[in-house]
N, C-alpha and C. Protein backbone atom coordinates (compact mmCIF):
# COMPACT_ATOMS: atom_id res chain seq x y z
N MET A 1 305.95 151.81 172.21
CA MET A 1 307.06 151.25 171.49
C MET A 1 306.62 149.99 170.75
N ASN A 2 307.20 149.83 169.65
CA ASN A 2 306.84 148.64 168.89
C ASN A 2 307.79 147.49 169.20
N ALA A 3 307.56 146.35 168.67
CA ALA A 3 308.33 145.15 168.96
C ALA A 3 309.77 145.28 168.43
N PHE A 4 309.93 145.95 167.28
CA PHE A 4 311.26 146.11 166.72
C PHE A 4 312.14 146.98 167.64
N GLY A 5 311.59 148.02 168.18
CA GLY A 5 312.31 148.91 169.09
C GLY A 5 312.68 148.19 170.38
N GLU A 6 311.78 147.36 170.87
CA GLU A 6 312.05 146.58 172.09
C GLU A 6 313.21 145.60 171.85
N ILE A 7 313.21 144.94 170.73
CA ILE A 7 314.28 144.00 170.40
C ILE A 7 315.61 144.74 170.29
N ARG A 8 315.58 145.90 169.66
CA ARG A 8 316.79 146.71 169.50
C ARG A 8 317.35 147.15 170.86
N LEU A 9 316.50 147.58 171.76
CA LEU A 9 316.93 148.01 173.09
C LEU A 9 317.53 146.85 173.88
N ARG A 10 316.91 145.71 173.83
CA ARG A 10 317.42 144.53 174.53
C ARG A 10 318.74 144.05 173.91
N ALA A 11 318.86 144.15 172.60
CA ALA A 11 320.10 143.74 171.92
C ALA A 11 321.25 144.64 172.35
N ARG A 12 320.99 145.95 172.45
CA ARG A 12 322.03 146.87 172.90
C ARG A 12 322.49 146.53 174.32
N ARG A 13 321.54 146.29 175.20
CA ARG A 13 321.89 145.94 176.58
C ARG A 13 322.68 144.63 176.63
N MET A 14 322.27 143.69 175.80
CA MET A 14 322.95 142.41 175.77
C MET A 14 324.38 142.55 175.22
N VAL A 15 324.56 143.36 174.22
CA VAL A 15 325.89 143.58 173.66
C VAL A 15 326.78 144.25 174.70
N VAL A 16 326.28 145.25 175.38
CA VAL A 16 327.07 145.95 176.40
C VAL A 16 327.44 144.99 177.53
N SER A 17 326.49 144.18 177.97
CA SER A 17 326.76 143.20 179.02
C SER A 17 327.77 142.17 178.56
N THR A 18 327.63 141.68 177.33
CA THR A 18 328.55 140.68 176.79
C THR A 18 329.97 141.25 176.68
N VAL A 19 330.10 142.46 176.19
CA VAL A 19 331.42 143.09 176.07
C VAL A 19 332.02 143.29 177.47
N GLY A 20 331.21 143.69 178.43
CA GLY A 20 331.69 143.87 179.80
C GLY A 20 332.18 142.56 180.41
N VAL A 21 331.43 141.48 180.21
CA VAL A 21 331.83 140.17 180.74
C VAL A 21 333.10 139.69 180.05
N CYS A 22 333.21 139.89 178.75
CA CYS A 22 334.42 139.48 178.03
C CYS A 22 335.63 140.27 178.50
N LEU A 23 335.46 141.56 178.72
CA LEU A 23 336.55 142.39 179.21
C LEU A 23 336.98 141.96 180.61
N LEU A 24 336.02 141.69 181.46
CA LEU A 24 336.32 141.22 182.81
C LEU A 24 337.03 139.86 182.76
N GLY A 25 336.61 138.96 181.89
CA GLY A 25 337.27 137.66 181.73
C GLY A 25 338.69 137.81 181.23
N TYR A 26 338.90 138.74 180.29
CA TYR A 26 340.23 138.99 179.75
C TYR A 26 341.17 139.48 180.85
N ILE A 27 340.71 140.42 181.65
CA ILE A 27 341.52 140.97 182.74
C ILE A 27 341.80 139.89 183.78
N ALA A 28 340.80 139.10 184.13
CA ALA A 28 340.99 138.05 185.13
C ALA A 28 341.98 136.99 184.63
N PHE A 29 341.87 136.61 183.36
CA PHE A 29 342.78 135.63 182.79
C PHE A 29 344.23 136.11 182.89
N HIS A 30 344.47 137.35 182.49
CA HIS A 30 345.83 137.87 182.50
C HIS A 30 346.33 138.17 183.91
N ALA A 31 345.42 138.38 184.85
CA ALA A 31 345.86 138.56 186.24
C ALA A 31 346.40 137.26 186.81
N VAL A 32 345.92 136.13 186.29
CA VAL A 32 346.40 134.83 186.77
C VAL A 32 347.49 134.27 185.86
N GLN A 33 347.27 134.24 184.57
CA GLN A 33 348.17 133.57 183.62
C GLN A 33 349.16 134.50 182.95
N GLY A 34 349.03 135.78 183.09
CA GLY A 34 349.84 136.72 182.33
C GLY A 34 351.31 136.73 182.72
N GLU A 35 352.07 137.55 182.00
CA GLU A 35 353.50 137.66 182.23
C GLU A 35 353.82 138.14 183.64
N ARG A 36 352.95 138.94 184.19
CA ARG A 36 353.12 139.43 185.56
C ARG A 36 351.97 138.98 186.46
N GLY A 37 351.38 137.84 186.15
CA GLY A 37 350.26 137.32 186.90
C GLY A 37 350.68 136.54 188.14
N LEU A 38 349.70 135.93 188.78
CA LEU A 38 349.94 135.19 190.01
C LEU A 38 350.86 133.99 189.80
N LEU A 39 350.66 133.24 188.73
CA LEU A 39 351.50 132.07 188.49
C LEU A 39 352.95 132.48 188.23
N ALA A 40 353.16 133.55 187.51
CA ALA A 40 354.52 134.04 187.27
C ALA A 40 355.14 134.51 188.59
N TRP A 41 354.35 135.13 189.43
CA TRP A 41 354.86 135.60 190.73
C TRP A 41 355.29 134.40 191.58
N TRP A 42 354.50 133.33 191.58
CA TRP A 42 354.87 132.13 192.35
C TRP A 42 356.16 131.52 191.81
N ARG A 43 356.30 131.47 190.48
CA ARG A 43 357.54 130.93 189.90
C ARG A 43 358.74 131.79 190.28
N ILE A 44 358.57 133.09 190.28
CA ILE A 44 359.67 133.98 190.66
C ILE A 44 360.04 133.76 192.12
N GLN A 45 359.06 133.57 192.99
CA GLN A 45 359.33 133.32 194.41
C GLN A 45 360.13 132.03 194.59
N GLU A 46 359.79 131.00 193.84
CA GLU A 46 360.53 129.74 193.90
C GLU A 46 361.97 129.94 193.39
N ASP A 47 362.12 130.70 192.32
CA ASP A 47 363.47 130.99 191.80
C ASP A 47 364.30 131.75 192.83
N ILE A 48 363.66 132.64 193.56
CA ILE A 48 364.37 133.39 194.60
C ILE A 48 364.85 132.46 195.70
N LYS A 49 364.01 131.51 196.10
CA LYS A 49 364.40 130.55 197.14
C LYS A 49 365.61 129.73 196.69
N VAL A 50 365.57 129.25 195.45
CA VAL A 50 366.69 128.46 194.91
C VAL A 50 367.95 129.31 194.84
N SER A 51 367.81 130.55 194.40
CA SER A 51 368.96 131.44 194.28
C SER A 51 369.56 131.75 195.65
N ARG A 52 368.72 131.92 196.65
CA ARG A 52 369.24 132.18 198.00
C ARG A 52 370.00 130.96 198.53
N THR A 53 369.52 129.76 198.23
CA THR A 53 370.23 128.55 198.64
C THR A 53 371.58 128.47 197.93
N ASP A 54 371.59 128.76 196.63
CA ASP A 54 372.84 128.76 195.87
C ASP A 54 373.81 129.81 196.41
N LEU A 55 373.28 130.96 196.78
CA LEU A 55 374.12 132.02 197.32
C LEU A 55 374.75 131.60 198.64
N ALA A 56 373.96 130.96 199.51
CA ALA A 56 374.50 130.51 200.79
C ALA A 56 375.61 129.48 200.58
N THR A 57 375.42 128.56 199.64
CA THR A 57 376.44 127.57 199.33
C THR A 57 377.71 128.24 198.80
N ALA A 58 377.54 129.19 197.89
CA ALA A 58 378.69 129.89 197.32
C ALA A 58 379.42 130.69 198.39
N GLU A 59 378.68 131.29 199.32
CA GLU A 59 379.32 132.05 200.39
C GLU A 59 380.12 131.14 201.32
N GLN A 60 379.61 129.94 201.57
CA GLN A 60 380.35 128.98 202.40
C GLN A 60 381.64 128.56 201.70
N LYS A 61 381.55 128.27 200.40
CA LYS A 61 382.75 127.89 199.66
C LYS A 61 383.76 129.03 199.64
N ARG A 62 383.25 130.26 199.46
CA ARG A 62 384.13 131.42 199.43
C ARG A 62 384.83 131.59 200.78
N ALA A 63 384.10 131.42 201.87
CA ALA A 63 384.69 131.56 203.20
C ALA A 63 385.78 130.50 203.42
N ALA A 64 385.53 129.27 202.97
CA ALA A 64 386.53 128.20 203.11
C ALA A 64 387.78 128.53 202.29
N LEU A 65 387.59 129.01 201.07
CA LEU A 65 388.73 129.38 200.25
C LEU A 65 389.47 130.58 200.83
N ALA A 66 388.74 131.53 201.38
CA ALA A 66 389.38 132.71 201.98
C ALA A 66 390.23 132.29 203.18
N ALA A 67 389.75 131.31 203.94
CA ALA A 67 390.53 130.82 205.08
C ALA A 67 391.82 130.16 204.60
N ARG A 68 391.74 129.40 203.51
CA ARG A 68 392.95 128.76 202.98
C ARG A 68 393.91 129.80 202.41
N VAL A 69 393.38 130.82 201.77
CA VAL A 69 394.23 131.88 201.23
C VAL A 69 394.91 132.64 202.36
N ALA A 70 394.18 132.86 203.44
CA ALA A 70 394.76 133.56 204.59
C ALA A 70 395.95 132.79 205.15
N LEU A 71 395.91 131.49 205.08
CA LEU A 71 397.04 130.68 205.56
C LEU A 71 398.25 130.81 204.64
N MET A 72 398.07 131.22 203.41
CA MET A 72 399.16 131.35 202.46
C MET A 72 399.74 132.76 202.40
N ARG A 73 399.18 133.72 203.11
CA ARG A 73 399.69 135.09 203.09
C ARG A 73 401.02 135.17 203.82
N PRO A 74 401.91 136.03 203.36
CA PRO A 74 403.24 136.12 203.97
C PRO A 74 403.22 136.50 205.45
N GLU A 75 402.29 137.36 205.87
CA GLU A 75 402.26 137.77 207.26
C GLU A 75 401.78 136.67 208.21
N SER A 76 401.04 135.70 207.70
CA SER A 76 400.57 134.60 208.54
C SER A 76 400.79 133.27 207.81
N LEU A 77 402.00 133.05 207.38
CA LEU A 77 402.33 131.87 206.59
C LEU A 77 402.30 130.62 207.45
N ASN A 78 401.55 129.64 207.01
CA ASN A 78 401.45 128.36 207.70
C ASN A 78 402.36 127.38 206.96
N ILE A 79 403.40 126.92 207.63
CA ILE A 79 404.39 126.05 207.00
C ILE A 79 403.75 124.74 206.55
N ASP A 80 402.81 124.22 207.33
CA ASP A 80 402.14 122.97 206.93
C ASP A 80 401.37 123.15 205.63
N MET A 81 400.70 124.31 205.48
CA MET A 81 399.93 124.56 204.26
C MET A 81 400.88 124.66 203.06
N VAL A 82 402.00 125.35 203.21
CA VAL A 82 402.97 125.46 202.12
C VAL A 82 403.53 124.09 201.78
N ASP A 83 403.84 123.30 202.79
CA ASP A 83 404.37 121.97 202.57
C ASP A 83 403.37 121.11 201.81
N GLU A 84 402.12 121.20 202.20
CA GLU A 84 401.07 120.43 201.52
C GLU A 84 400.96 120.83 200.06
N GLN A 85 400.98 122.12 199.78
CA GLN A 85 400.87 122.59 198.40
C GLN A 85 402.07 122.15 197.56
N VAL A 86 403.27 122.26 198.12
CA VAL A 86 404.47 121.85 197.39
C VAL A 86 404.42 120.37 197.07
N ARG A 87 404.04 119.57 198.03
CA ARG A 87 403.97 118.12 197.79
C ARG A 87 402.94 117.79 196.72
N ARG A 88 401.81 118.48 196.76
CA ARG A 88 400.76 118.21 195.78
C ARG A 88 401.23 118.59 194.38
N VAL A 89 401.85 119.74 194.25
CA VAL A 89 402.27 120.21 192.93
C VAL A 89 403.45 119.39 192.39
N LEU A 90 404.44 119.14 193.23
CA LEU A 90 405.64 118.46 192.76
C LEU A 90 405.58 116.94 192.88
N GLY A 91 404.63 116.44 193.64
CA GLY A 91 404.52 115.00 193.81
C GLY A 91 405.64 114.42 194.66
N LEU A 92 406.08 115.16 195.65
CA LEU A 92 407.18 114.73 196.51
C LEU A 92 406.68 114.22 197.85
N ALA A 93 407.54 113.47 198.53
CA ALA A 93 407.23 112.99 199.87
C ALA A 93 408.52 112.94 200.67
N HIS A 94 408.40 113.00 202.00
CA HIS A 94 409.58 112.86 202.86
C HIS A 94 410.05 111.40 202.85
N PRO A 95 411.32 111.17 203.12
CA PRO A 95 411.83 109.79 203.12
C PRO A 95 411.18 108.91 204.18
N ASP A 96 410.71 109.48 205.28
CA ASP A 96 410.13 108.66 206.34
C ASP A 96 408.61 108.49 206.20
N GLU A 97 408.03 108.97 205.14
CA GLU A 97 406.58 108.84 204.94
C GLU A 97 406.26 107.58 204.14
N ARG A 98 405.08 107.06 204.39
CA ARG A 98 404.58 105.92 203.62
C ARG A 98 403.46 106.42 202.72
N LEU A 99 403.50 106.02 201.50
CA LEU A 99 402.48 106.41 200.54
C LEU A 99 401.55 105.24 200.29
N VAL A 100 400.28 105.53 200.27
CA VAL A 100 399.27 104.53 199.93
C VAL A 100 398.66 104.98 198.62
N LEU A 101 398.96 104.28 197.56
CA LEU A 101 398.48 104.65 196.23
C LEU A 101 397.14 103.99 195.96
N GLN A 102 396.24 104.77 195.38
CA GLN A 102 394.92 104.27 195.02
C GLN A 102 394.73 104.47 193.52
N PRO A 103 393.92 103.63 192.92
CA PRO A 103 393.68 103.80 191.49
C PRO A 103 392.95 105.15 191.25
N PRO A 104 393.12 105.73 190.08
CA PRO A 104 392.45 107.02 189.79
C PRO A 104 390.94 106.89 189.95
N GLY A 105 390.35 107.89 190.56
CA GLY A 105 388.90 107.91 190.75
C GLY A 105 388.44 107.26 192.02
N ALA A 106 389.33 106.56 192.73
CA ALA A 106 388.92 105.94 193.98
C ALA A 106 388.91 106.99 195.08
N GLY A 107 387.89 107.00 195.86
CA GLY A 107 387.78 107.95 196.96
C GLY A 107 388.57 107.50 198.16
N PRO A 108 388.56 108.28 199.21
CA PRO A 108 389.28 107.88 200.43
C PRO A 108 388.65 106.65 201.05
N ARG A 109 389.48 105.83 201.65
CA ARG A 109 388.99 104.59 202.28
C ARG A 109 388.41 104.91 203.64
N LYS A 110 387.39 104.19 204.02
CA LYS A 110 386.77 104.37 205.33
C LYS A 110 387.50 103.52 206.34
N ALA A 111 387.70 104.11 207.53
CA ALA A 111 388.36 103.36 208.61
C ALA A 111 387.38 102.34 209.19
N ARG A 112 387.88 101.19 209.57
CA ARG A 112 387.01 100.15 210.14
C ARG A 112 387.14 100.10 211.62
């Protein structure tokens, strides 16, 4: 074989090796950074954790509201609950009650 043939053979091997390494790098990059790669999977797992926390909070609020609604049903009507709702809506009070008015936006006072 002459020198030109040897160079040609080595160039072919080098091109095949270079293309193989580039292809492997491309696949590895997208396995980590891609739309369905490891980093995206970790972000999705974090989103799932946050969503589960939000779901638990929403379920607790729903249970509390369901308990209040159950008190308003005709078959198990709670007179105190109805009285509370009427007073809140109409702004009424019994003659023997004392009202403590607070400025708008003020929260409940702490007992000392």
